[in-house]
Amino acid sequence: MFKPENVLKRYDPEEQEALLDELLARAAPKQDTPAKLVHLAETVEAAEQLRAEDGQLIGLSSGWSNVDDMLGGIRGSQLIVIAGETGHRKSLFCQNLALNVASEGHPVLFIGLEMANEENTERFLDMGADETLPIVYPEATTVSYKDIDGLVSAAVSDGIELVVIDHLHMFALDGENEQAGLTKVCIEMKSIARRHGAAVILVSHISRRADRKGVPSLNDLKGSSSIGQLADKVVAVYSDGVENDVPDTEVTLMLRKSRRMAKQKLAKLTILPNGKLVEPASTLPNMFPTASR
């Protein structure tokens, strides 16, 4: 067994001391750039700006006025979780959202872990997209959660502002139990959003519910409470038609969590035959008001 004292015996006292200093220096943890502290006073201006912006659309528009009212905008550096049961149109909602954002000229990185790139493109084309739409995919056919940081870094350098990941429960968890693995993935997704300044939308399953009626709650998120805890916003998606075995023509969205107050907590969208989601006619502004008599 190696013993430092056996090595030191071969040197005189001064050499011993110099060698010991060298060994200790090698064993010491490497120091990065010294941590910097920020005084509260330095954040006041930004905090006042947030207060002034309450009730206004900040960031990207979803493309639906009622969803914008609910979310207050899709803001950079935020992690937004879209949660729902299988078949309740959460992926369709995110595809429509990506289409709306890209149609306004804002590039989107769409990471579809459940459907191939070609299948997602087919959906976009059905909804009226054309090949010039600024949506990009990862080239790799399989993506680990450890790959997301590099993908987002490259995407942001190309001007991308929104990242959509469909979905959380498709990531391999490296042999860990579900709760620990999902927590690690969510921490990474939250860090990526903050680090790169892009908005990250993460689709999540919910657990099977005995009573499957109504919009899911935060407690229904599947696998780990950290999903809801780490998210800046959680939107639950529910389609009544799925549970009643009838053609689903409407999707209900409910804001289940927001770190800031929202103007409206509920939104409904109508599903067109081509998969396009639009606001119900009753929620659209009257563009041609009747003249007073």
C-alpha atoms as a PDB file:
ATOM      1  CA  MET A   1       0.000   0.000   0.000  1.00  0.00           C
ATOM      2  CA  PHE A   2       1.248   3.462  -0.906  1.00  0.00           C
ATOM      3  CA  LYS A   3       2.073   5.601   2.137  1.00  0.00           C
ATOM      4  CA  PRO A   4       3.174   9.246   1.752  1.00  0.00           C
ATOM      5  CA  GLU A   5       5.572   8.915   4.683  1.00  0.00           C
ATOM      6  CA  ASN A   6       7.533   6.193   2.880  1.00  0.00           C
ATOM      7  CA  VAL A   7       8.080   8.572  -0.029  1.00  0.00           C
ATOM      8  CA  LEU A   8       9.006  11.489   2.185  1.00  0.00           C
ATOM      9  CA  LYS A   9      11.752   9.512   3.955  1.00  0.00           C
ATOM     10  CA  ARG A  10      13.898   9.722   0.876  1.00  0.00           C
ATOM     11  CA  TYR A  11      14.033  13.526   1.023  1.00  0.00           C
ATOM     12  CA  ASP A  12      15.522  16.016   3.503  1.00  0.00           C
ATOM     13  CA  PRO A  13      13.071  18.058   5.591  1.00  0.00           C
ATOM     14  CA  GLU A  14      12.876  20.969   3.147  1.00  0.00           C
ATOM     15  CA  GLU A  15      12.289  18.632   0.234  1.00  0.00           C
ATOM     16  CA  GLN A  16       9.692  16.758   2.275  1.00  0.00           C
ATOM     17  CA  GLU A  17       7.812  19.992   2.932  1.00  0.00           C
ATOM     18  CA  ALA A  18       7.928  21.019  -0.727  1.00  0.00           C
ATOM     19  CA  LEU A  19       6.699  17.603  -1.850  1.00  0.00           C
ATOM     20  CA  LEU A  20       3.891  17.607   0.693  1.00  0.00           C
ATOM     21  CA  ASP A  21       2.798  21.045  -0.489  1.00  0.00           C
ATOM     22  CA  GLU A  22       2.741  19.734  -4.067  1.00  0.00           C
ATOM     23  CA  LEU A  23       0.676  16.680  -3.094  1.00  0.00           C
ATOM     24  CA  LEU A  24      -1.813  18.823  -1.184  1.00  0.00           C
ATOM     25  CA  ALA A  25      -2.108  21.254  -4.097  1.00  0.00           C
ATOM     26  CA  ARG A  26      -2.902  18.389  -6.457  1.00  0.00           C
ATOM     27  CA  ALA A  27      -5.548  17.008  -4.091  1.00  0.00           C
ATOM     28  CA  ALA A  28      -7.206  20.391  -3.504  1.00  0.00           C
ATOM     29  CA  PRO A  29     -10.434  21.008  -5.453  1.00  0.00           C
ATOM     30  CA  LYS A  30      -9.950  23.206  -8.499  1.00  0.00           C
ATOM     31  CA  GLN A  31     -11.292  26.718  -8.032  1.00  0.00           C
ATOM     32  CA  ASP A  32     -13.389  28.197 -10.808  1.00  0.00           C
ATOM     33  CA  THR A  33     -14.123  31.877 -11.182  1.00  0.00           C
ATOM     34  CA  PRO A  34     -14.932  33.261  -7.715  1.00  0.00           C
ATOM     35  CA  ALA A  35     -18.662  33.407  -7.009  1.00  0.00           C
ATOM     36  CA  LYS A  36     -20.244  36.825  -7.460  1.00  0.00           C
ATOM     37  CA  LEU A  37     -23.034  38.175  -5.287  1.00  0.00           C
ATOM     38  CA  VAL A  38     -25.803  40.506  -6.396  1.00  0.00           C
ATOM     39  CA  HIS A  39     -27.392  42.972  -3.996  1.00  0.00           C
ATOM     40  CA  LEU A  40     -31.180  43.282  -3.864  1.00  0.00           C
ATOM     41  CA  ALA A  41     -30.901  46.898  -5.002  1.00  0.00           C
ATOM     42  CA  GLU A  42     -29.415  45.720  -8.305  1.00  0.00           C
ATOM     43  CA  THR A  43     -32.605  43.762  -9.097  1.00  0.00           C
ATOM     44  CA  VAL A  44     -35.150  46.450  -8.245  1.00  0.00           C
ATOM     45  CA  GLU A  45     -35.357  47.913 -11.745  1.00  0.00           C
ATOM     46  CA  ALA A  46     -36.014  44.502 -13.313  1.00  0.00           C
ATOM     47  CA  ALA A  47     -38.578  43.685 -10.595  1.00  0.00           C
ATOM     48  CA  GLU A  48     -40.439  46.935 -11.229  1.00  0.00           C
ATOM     49  CA  GLN A  49     -40.474  46.121 -14.932  1.00  0.00           C
ATOM     50  CA  LEU A  50     -42.108  42.756 -14.190  1.00  0.00           C
ATOM     51  CA  ARG A  51     -44.720  44.490 -12.048  1.00  0.00           C
ATOM     52  CA  ALA A  52     -45.464  46.975 -14.826  1.00  0.00           C
ATOM     53  CA  GLU A  53     -45.843  44.105 -17.296  1.00  0.00           C
ATOM     54  CA  ASP A  54     -48.484  42.221 -15.275  1.00  0.00           C
ATOM     55  CA  GLY A  55     -51.466  41.510 -17.488  1.00  0.00           C
ATOM     56  CA  GLN A  56     -49.488  42.123 -20.679  1.00  0.00           C
ATOM     57  CA  LEU A  57     -48.239  39.629 -23.254  1.00  0.00           C
ATOM     58  CA  ILE A  58     -44.531  39.066 -22.645  1.00  0.00           C
ATOM     59  CA  GLY A  59     -42.461  36.868 -24.924  1.00  0.00           C
ATOM     60  CA  LEU A  60     -43.922  34.797 -27.739  1.00  0.00           C
ATOM     61  CA  SER A  61     -47.615  34.626 -28.587  1.00  0.00           C
ATOM     62  CA  SER A  62     -49.213  31.180 -28.688  1.00  0.00           C
ATOM     63  CA  GLY A  63     -51.339  32.258 -31.634  1.00  0.00           C
ATOM     64  CA  TRP A  64     -54.591  32.108 -29.630  1.00  0.00           C
ATOM     65  CA  SER A  65     -55.742  35.175 -27.700  1.00  0.00           C
ATOM     66  CA  ASN A  66     -57.437  33.150 -24.943  1.00  0.00           C
ATOM     67  CA  VAL A  67     -54.296  31.031 -24.404  1.00  0.00           C
ATOM     68  CA  ASP A  68     -52.176  34.204 -24.335  1.00  0.00           C
ATOM     69  CA  ASP A  69     -54.522  35.596 -21.680  1.00  0.00           C
ATOM     70  CA  MET A  70     -54.037  32.417 -19.671  1.00  0.00           C
ATOM     71  CA  LEU A  71     -50.247  32.185 -20.006  1.00  0.00           C
ATOM     72  CA  GLY A  72     -49.319  35.855 -20.279  1.00  0.00           C
ATOM     73  CA  GLY A  73     -46.988  34.891 -23.122  1.00  0.00           C
ATOM     74  CA  ILE A  74     -44.311  32.250 -23.644  1.00  0.00           C
ATOM     75  CA  ARG A  75     -41.309  33.753 -21.932  1.00  0.00           C
ATOM     76  CA  GLY A  76     -37.651  32.967 -22.476  1.00  0.00           C
ATOM     77  CA  SER A  77     -35.817  31.058 -19.707  1.00  0.00           C
ATOM     78  CA  GLN A  78     -39.048  29.427 -18.532  1.00  0.00           C
ATOM     79  CA  LEU A  79     -39.905  25.730 -18.314  1.00  0.00           C
ATOM     80  CA  ILE A  80     -43.558  25.157 -19.246  1.00  0.00           C
ATOM     81  CA  VAL A  81     -45.031  21.690 -18.702  1.00  0.00           C
ATOM     82  CA  ILE A  82     -48.006  20.562 -20.803  1.00  0.00           C
ATOM     83  CA  ALA A  83     -49.658  17.612 -19.028  1.00  0.00           C
ATOM     84  CA  GLY A  84     -52.465  15.262 -19.918  1.00  0.00           C
ATOM     85  CA  GLU A  85     -53.521  11.659 -20.344  1.00  0.00           C
ATOM     86  CA  THR A  86     -52.868   9.650 -23.482  1.00  0.00           C
ATOM     87  CA  GLY A  87     -55.216  10.676 -26.281  1.00  0.00           C
ATOM     88  CA  HIS A  88     -56.211  13.996 -24.776  1.00  0.00           C
ATOM     89  CA  ARG A  89     -54.455  16.009 -27.506  1.00  0.00           C
ATOM     90  CA  LYS A  90     -51.470  17.374 -25.571  1.00  0.00           C
ATOM     91  CA  SER A  91     -49.091  16.551 -28.448  1.00  0.00           C
ATOM     92  CA  LEU A  92     -51.546  18.037 -30.952  1.00  0.00           C
ATOM     93  CA  PHE A  93     -51.693  21.202 -28.858  1.00  0.00           C
ATOM     94  CA  CYS A  94     -47.879  21.482 -28.836  1.00  0.00           C
ATOM     95  CA  GLN A  95     -47.656  20.858 -32.592  1.00  0.00           C
ATOM     96  CA  ASN A  96     -50.220  23.602 -33.198  1.00  0.00           C
ATOM     97  CA  LEU A  97     -48.351  25.897 -30.822  1.00  0.00           C
ATOM     98  CA  ALA A  98     -45.059  25.298 -32.638  1.00  0.00           C
ATOM     99  CA  LEU A  99     -46.804  25.920 -35.968  1.00  0.00           C
ATOM    100  CA  ASN A 100     -48.312  29.197 -34.726  1.00  0.00           C
ATOM    101  CA  VAL A 101     -45.005  30.479 -33.335  1.00  0.00           C
ATOM    102  CA  ALA A 102     -43.058  29.497 -36.459  1.00  0.00           C
ATOM    103  CA  SER A 103     -45.706  31.055 -38.694  1.00  0.00           C
ATOM    104  CA  GLU A 104     -44.925  34.393 -37.040  1.00  0.00           C
ATOM    105  CA  GLY A 105     -41.283  34.058 -38.053  1.00  0.00           C
ATOM    106  CA  HIS A 106     -39.910  32.733 -34.754  1.00  0.00           C
ATOM    107  CA  PRO A 107     -37.803  29.574 -35.331  1.00  0.00           C
ATOM    108  CA  VAL A 108     -38.704  26.518 -33.234  1.00  0.00           C
ATOM    109  CA  LEU A 109     -36.699  23.442 -32.243  1.00  0.00           C
ATOM    110  CA  PHE A 110     -39.146  20.521 -32.113  1.00  0.00           C
ATOM    111  CA  ILE A 111     -37.783  17.400 -30.394  1.00  0.00           C
ATOM    112  CA  GLY A 112     -40.340  14.650 -31.007  1.00  0.00           C
ATOM    113  CA  LEU A 113     -39.376  11.556 -29.041  1.00  0.00           C
ATOM    114  CA  GLU A 114     -42.692   9.793 -29.601  1.00  0.00           C
ATOM    115  CA  MET A 115     -43.101  10.415 -33.344  1.00  0.00           C
ATOM    116  CA  ALA A 116     -40.508  10.430 -36.130  1.00  0.00           C
ATOM    117  CA  ASN A 117     -39.588  13.739 -37.748  1.00  0.00           C
ATOM    118  CA  GLU A 118     -41.487  12.714 -40.894  1.00  0.00           C
ATOM    119  CA  GLU A 119     -44.633  12.011 -38.885  1.00  0.00           C
ATOM    120  CA  ASN A 120     -44.482  15.415 -37.205  1.00  0.00           C
ATOM    121  CA  THR A 121     -43.955  17.051 -40.605  1.00  0.00           C
ATOM    122  CA  GLU A 122     -46.998  15.217 -41.931  1.00  0.00           C
ATOM    123  CA  ARG A 123     -49.053  16.699 -39.102  1.00  0.00           C
ATOM    124  CA  PHE A 124     -47.717  20.192 -39.818  1.00  0.00           C
ATOM    125  CA  LEU A 125     -48.509  19.874 -43.526  1.00  0.00           C
ATOM    126  CA  ASP A 126     -52.042  18.694 -42.752  1.00  0.00           C
ATOM    127  CA  MET A 127     -52.501  21.821 -40.650  1.00  0.00           C
ATOM    128  CA  GLY A 128     -51.457  24.075 -43.516  1.00  0.00           C
ATOM    129  CA  ALA A 129     -47.701  24.443 -43.057  1.00  0.00           C
ATOM    130  CA  ASP A 130     -45.325  24.640 -46.006  1.00  0.00           C
ATOM    131  CA  GLU A 131     -41.691  23.612 -46.332  1.00  0.00           C
ATOM    132  CA  THR A 132     -40.400  27.123 -45.598  1.00  0.00           C
ATOM    133  CA  LEU A 133     -41.715  26.990 -42.036  1.00  0.00           C
ATOM    134  CA  PRO A 134     -38.824  27.687 -39.588  1.00  0.00           C
ATOM    135  CA  ILE A 135     -39.102  24.452 -37.589  1.00  0.00           C
ATOM    136  CA  VAL A 136     -36.032  22.255 -37.107  1.00  0.00           C
ATOM    137  CA  TYR A 137     -35.573  18.757 -35.663  1.00  0.00           C
ATOM    138  CA  PRO A 138     -32.588  16.859 -34.217  1.00  0.00           C
ATOM    139  CA  GLU A 139     -30.917  14.864 -36.971  1.00  0.00           C
ATOM    140  CA  ALA A 140     -30.355  11.876 -34.651  1.00  0.00           C
ATOM    141  CA  THR A 141     -33.155   9.318 -34.514  1.00  0.00           C
ATOM    142  CA  THR A 142     -32.630   8.755 -30.780  1.00  0.00           C
ATOM    143  CA  VAL A 143     -32.018  11.557 -28.295  1.00  0.00           C
ATOM    144  CA  SER A 144     -30.953  11.290 -24.664  1.00  0.00           C
ATOM    145  CA  TYR A 145     -31.805  13.983 -22.158  1.00  0.00           C
ATOM    146  CA  LYS A 146     -28.034  14.527 -21.935  1.00  0.00           C
ATOM    147  CA  ASP A 147     -28.069  15.556 -25.610  1.00  0.00           C
ATOM    148  CA  ILE A 148     -30.611  18.352 -25.117  1.00  0.00           C
ATOM    149  CA  ASP A 149     -28.140  20.956 -23.861  1.00  0.00           C
ATOM    150  CA  GLY A 150     -25.994  20.683 -26.986  1.00  0.00           C
ATOM    151  CA  LEU A 151     -29.038  20.747 -29.251  1.00  0.00           C
ATOM    152  CA  VAL A 152     -30.484  23.836 -27.572  1.00  0.00           C
ATOM    153  CA  SER A 153     -27.108  25.594 -27.534  1.00  0.00           C
ATOM    154  CA  ALA A 154     -26.766  25.096 -31.292  1.00  0.00           C
ATOM    155  CA  ALA A 155     -30.400  26.062 -31.868  1.00  0.00           C
ATOM    156  CA  VAL A 156     -30.191  29.294 -29.847  1.00  0.00           C
ATOM    157  CA  SER A 157     -27.049  30.325 -31.734  1.00  0.00           C
ATOM    158  CA  ASP A 158     -29.198  30.041 -34.888  1.00  0.00           C
ATOM    159  CA  GLY A 159     -31.874  32.328 -33.442  1.00  0.00           C
ATOM    160  CA  ILE A 160     -34.310  29.763 -32.055  1.00  0.00           C
ATOM    161  CA  GLU A 161     -36.466  31.067 -29.183  1.00  0.00           C
ATOM    162  CA  LEU A 162     -38.753  28.114 -28.456  1.00  0.00           C
ATOM    163  CA  VAL A 163     -37.932  24.457 -27.749  1.00  0.00           C
ATOM    164  CA  VAL A 164     -40.703  21.840 -27.653  1.00  0.00           C
ATOM    165  CA  ILE A 165     -39.918  18.383 -26.218  1.00  0.00           C
ATOM    166  CA  ASP A 166     -42.522  15.638 -26.697  1.00  0.00           C
ATOM    167  CA  HIS A 167     -42.242  14.040 -24.263  1.00  0.00           C
ATOM    168  CA  LEU A 168     -40.624  13.710 -20.809  1.00  0.00           C
ATOM    169  CA  HIS A 169     -41.499  10.068 -20.184  1.00  0.00           C
ATOM    170  CA  MET A 170     -39.799   8.914 -23.397  1.00  0.00           C
ATOM    171  CA  PHE A 171     -36.325   9.684 -22.017  1.00  0.00           C
ATOM    172  CA  ALA A 172     -34.217   6.715 -20.855  1.00  0.00           C
ATOM    173  CA  LEU A 173     -33.547   7.102 -17.118  1.00  0.00           C
ATOM    174  CA  ASP A 174     -30.128   5.390 -16.912  1.00  0.00           C
ATOM    175  CA  GLY A 175     -31.358   2.540 -14.734  1.00  0.00           C
ATOM    176  CA  GLU A 176     -32.594   4.833 -11.965  1.00  0.00           C
ATOM    177  CA  ASN A 177     -35.994   4.521 -10.386  1.00  0.00           C
ATOM    178  CA  GLU A 178     -38.688   6.610 -12.057  1.00  0.00           C
ATOM    179  CA  GLN A 179     -38.902   9.352  -9.449  1.00  0.00           C
ATOM    180  CA  ALA A 180     -35.142   9.974  -9.240  1.00  0.00           C
ATOM    181  CA  GLY A 181     -34.707   9.742 -12.999  1.00  0.00           C
ATOM    182  CA  LEU A 182     -37.535  12.132 -13.848  1.00  0.00           C
ATOM    183  CA  THR A 183     -36.342  14.591 -11.211  1.00  0.00           C
ATOM    184  CA  LYS A 184     -32.863  14.598 -12.756  1.00  0.00           C
ATOM    185  CA  VAL A 185     -34.299  15.160 -16.247  1.00  0.00           C
ATOM    186  CA  CYS A 186     -36.530  18.025 -15.073  1.00  0.00           C
ATOM    187  CA  ILE A 187     -33.637  19.713 -13.269  1.00  0.00           C
ATOM    188  CA  GLU A 188     -31.652  19.509 -16.502  1.00  0.00           C
ATOM    189  CA  MET A 189     -34.520  20.930 -18.587  1.00  0.00           C
ATOM    190  CA  LYS A 190     -34.992  23.801 -16.131  1.00  0.00           C
ATOM    191  CA  SER A 191     -31.258  24.529 -16.177  1.00  0.00           C
ATOM    192  CA  ILE A 192     -31.188  24.483 -19.988  1.00  0.00           C
ATOM    193  CA  ALA A 193     -34.021  27.020 -20.179  1.00  0.00           C
ATOM    194  CA  ARG A 194     -32.245  29.353 -17.759  1.00  0.00           C
ATOM    195  CA  ARG A 195     -28.791  28.819 -19.247  1.00  0.00           C
ATOM    196  CA  HIS A 196     -29.729  29.474 -22.862  1.00  0.00           C
ATOM    197  CA  GLY A 197     -32.583  31.948 -22.398  1.00  0.00           C
ATOM    198  CA  ALA A 198     -35.025  29.945 -24.528  1.00  0.00           C
ATOM    199  CA  ALA A 199     -38.533  28.939 -23.535  1.00  0.00           C
ATOM    200  CA  VAL A 200     -38.715  25.151 -23.086  1.00  0.00           C
ATOM    201  CA  ILE A 201     -42.064  23.373 -23.391  1.00  0.00           C
ATOM    202  CA  LEU A 202     -42.001  19.854 -21.961  1.00  0.00           C
ATOM    203  CA  VAL A 203     -44.884  17.440 -22.526  1.00  0.00           C
ATOM    204  CA  SER A 204     -45.696  15.129 -19.610  1.00  0.00           C
ATOM    205  CA  HIS A 205     -47.997  12.176 -19.002  1.00  0.00           C
ATOM    206  CA  ILE A 206     -50.200  12.007 -15.942  1.00  0.00           C
ATOM    207  CA  SER A 207     -50.952   8.937 -13.847  1.00  0.00           C
ATOM    208  CA  ARG A 208     -54.012   6.804 -14.395  1.00  0.00           C
ATOM    209  CA  ARG A 209     -56.907   8.241 -12.433  1.00  0.00           C
ATOM    210  CA  ALA A 210     -59.767   6.264 -10.936  1.00  0.00           C
ATOM    211  CA  ASP A 211     -62.087   9.157 -11.754  1.00  0.00           C
ATOM    212  CA  ARG A 212     -60.960  10.311 -15.163  1.00  0.00           C
ATOM    213  CA  LYS A 213     -63.472  13.143 -15.401  1.00  0.00           C
ATOM    214  CA  GLY A 214     -62.350  16.745 -15.512  1.00  0.00           C
ATOM    215  CA  VAL A 215     -59.046  18.507 -16.020  1.00  0.00           C
ATOM    216  CA  PRO A 216     -56.039  16.836 -14.301  1.00  0.00           C
ATOM    217  CA  SER A 217     -54.430  18.466 -11.273  1.00  0.00           C
ATOM    218  CA  LEU A 218     -50.772  18.856 -10.297  1.00  0.00           C
ATOM    219  CA  ASN A 219     -51.093  15.766  -8.122  1.00  0.00           C
ATOM    220  CA  ASP A 220     -51.803  13.727 -11.262  1.00  0.00           C
ATOM    221  CA  LEU A 221     -48.378  14.351 -12.848  1.00  0.00           C
ATOM    222  CA  LYS A 222     -46.782  10.967 -13.466  1.00  0.00           C
ATOM    223  CA  GLY A 223     -43.730   9.722 -11.633  1.00  0.00           C
ATOM    224  CA  SER A 224     -42.350  12.665  -9.660  1.00  0.00           C
ATOM    225  CA  SER A 225     -43.656  15.701  -7.804  1.00  0.00           C
ATOM    226  CA  SER A 226     -40.552  17.524  -9.071  1.00  0.00           C
ATOM    227  CA  ILE A 227     -42.209  17.909 -12.483  1.00  0.00           C
ATOM    228  CA  GLY A 228     -44.644  20.434 -11.071  1.00  0.00           C
ATOM    229  CA  GLN A 229     -42.219  21.899  -8.550  1.00  0.00           C
ATOM    230  CA  LEU A 230     -39.547  22.770 -11.106  1.00  0.00           C
ATOM    231  CA  ALA A 231     -41.874  24.061 -13.819  1.00  0.00           C
ATOM    232  CA  ASP A 232     -42.550  27.786 -14.067  1.00  0.00           C
ATOM    233  CA  LYS A 233     -45.984  27.006 -15.505  1.00  0.00           C
ATOM    234  CA  VAL A 234     -48.055  23.831 -15.758  1.00  0.00           C
ATOM    235  CA  VAL A 235     -50.927  23.604 -18.236  1.00  0.00           C
ATOM    236  CA  ALA A 236     -53.277  20.620 -18.012  1.00  0.00           C
ATOM    237  CA  VAL A 237     -54.946  19.423 -21.225  1.00  0.00           C
ATOM    238  CA  TYR A 238     -58.273  17.590 -21.263  1.00  0.00           C
ATOM    239  CA  SER A 239     -60.647  16.479 -24.022  1.00  0.00           C
ATOM    240  CA  ASP A 240     -64.108  15.452 -22.869  1.00  0.00           C
ATOM    241  CA  GLY A 241     -64.788  13.458 -26.029  1.00  0.00           C
ATOM    242  CA  VAL A 242     -62.107  10.886 -25.205  1.00  0.00           C
ATOM    243  CA  GLU A 243     -63.811   9.874 -21.974  1.00  0.00           C
ATOM    244  CA  ASN A 244     -67.310   9.846 -23.473  1.00  0.00           C
ATOM    245  CA  ASP A 245     -66.278   7.888 -26.588  1.00  0.00           C
ATOM    246  CA  VAL A 246     -67.485  10.589 -28.966  1.00  0.00           C
ATOM    247  CA  PRO A 247     -65.563  12.582 -31.576  1.00  0.00           C
ATOM    248  CA  ASP A 248     -63.547  15.132 -29.626  1.00  0.00           C
ATOM    249  CA  THR A 249     -64.131  18.566 -31.053  1.00  0.00           C
ATOM    250  CA  GLU A 250     -62.868  20.623 -28.132  1.00  0.00           C
ATOM    251  CA  VAL A 251     -59.783  20.767 -25.946  1.00  0.00           C
ATOM    252  CA  THR A 252     -59.812  22.382 -22.502  1.00  0.00           C
ATOM    253  CA  LEU A 253     -56.627  23.951 -21.143  1.00  0.00           C
ATOM    254  CA  MET A 254     -56.245  24.907 -17.507  1.00  0.00           C
ATOM    255  CA  LEU A 255     -53.318  26.753 -15.952  1.00  0.00           C
ATOM    256  CA  ARG A 256     -52.575  24.609 -12.911  1.00  0.00           C
ATOM    257  CA  LYS A 257     -49.435  26.459 -11.823  1.00  0.00           C
ATOM    258  CA  SER A 258     -47.809  29.797 -12.513  1.00  0.00           C
ATOM    259  CA  ARG A 259     -45.072  31.552 -10.601  1.00  0.00           C
ATOM    260  CA  ARG A 260     -46.868  34.791 -11.391  1.00  0.00           C
ATOM    261  CA  MET A 261     -50.553  35.623 -11.381  1.00  0.00           C
ATOM    262  CA  ALA A 262     -52.417  35.000 -14.641  1.00  0.00           C
ATOM    263  CA  LYS A 263     -55.185  37.101 -16.170  1.00  0.00           C
ATOM    264  CA  GLN A 264     -57.227  34.027 -17.061  1.00  0.00           C
ATOM    265  CA  LYS A 265     -56.820  30.411 -15.949  1.00  0.00           C
ATOM    266  CA  LEU A 266     -58.941  28.534 -18.459  1.00  0.00           C
ATOM    267  CA  ALA A 267     -58.974  28.351 -22.260  1.00  0.00           C
ATOM    268  CA  LYS A 268     -60.820  26.204 -24.799  1.00  0.00           C
ATOM    269  CA  LEU A 269     -59.836  25.346 -28.367  1.00  0.00           C
ATOM    270  CA  THR A 270     -61.842  23.720 -31.150  1.00  0.00           C
ATOM    271  CA  ILE A 271     -60.335  20.858 -33.194  1.00  0.00           C
ATOM    272  CA  LEU A 272     -60.830  21.154 -36.960  1.00  0.00           C
ATOM    273  CA  PRO A 273     -60.880  18.023 -39.162  1.00  0.00           C
ATOM    274  CA  ASN A 274     -57.276  18.639 -40.294  1.00  0.00           C
ATOM    275  CA  GLY A 275     -56.028  18.783 -36.693  1.00  0.00           C
ATOM    276  CA  LYS A 276     -55.780  22.558 -36.583  1.00  0.00           C
ATOM    277  CA  LEU A 277     -56.776  24.076 -33.234  1.00  0.00           C
ATOM    278  CA  VAL A 278     -58.712  27.340 -33.298  1.00  0.00           C
ATOM    279  CA  GLU A 279     -60.490  29.469 -30.754  1.00  0.00           C
ATOM    280  CA  PRO A 280     -64.230  28.820 -30.435  1.00  0.00           C
ATOM    281  CA  ALA A 281     -66.255  31.438 -32.273  1.00  0.00           C
ATOM    282  CA  SER A 282     -67.791  32.620 -29.002  1.00  0.00           C
ATOM    283  CA  THR A 283     -64.383  33.702 -27.682  1.00  0.00           C
ATOM    284  CA  LEU A 284     -63.275  35.630 -30.764  1.00  0.00           C
ATOM    285  CA  PRO A 285     -63.570  39.414 -30.735  1.00  0.00           C
ATOM    286  CA  ASN A 286     -66.394  40.885 -32.785  1.00  0.00           C
ATOM    287  CA  MET A 287     -64.552  42.324 -35.774  1.00  0.00           C
ATOM    288  CA  PHE A 288     -67.690  43.916 -37.250  1.00  0.00           C
ATOM    289  CA  PRO A 289     -69.805  45.346 -34.410  1.00  0.00           C
ATOM    290  CA  THR A 290     -73.356  46.265 -35.149  1.00  0.00           C
ATOM    291  CA  ALA A 291     -73.792  49.998 -35.602  1.00  0.00           C
ATOM    292  CA  SER A 292     -75.806  51.694 -32.900  1.00  0.00           C
ATOM    293  CA  ARG A 293     -79.179  53.066 -33.923  1.00  0.00           C
END
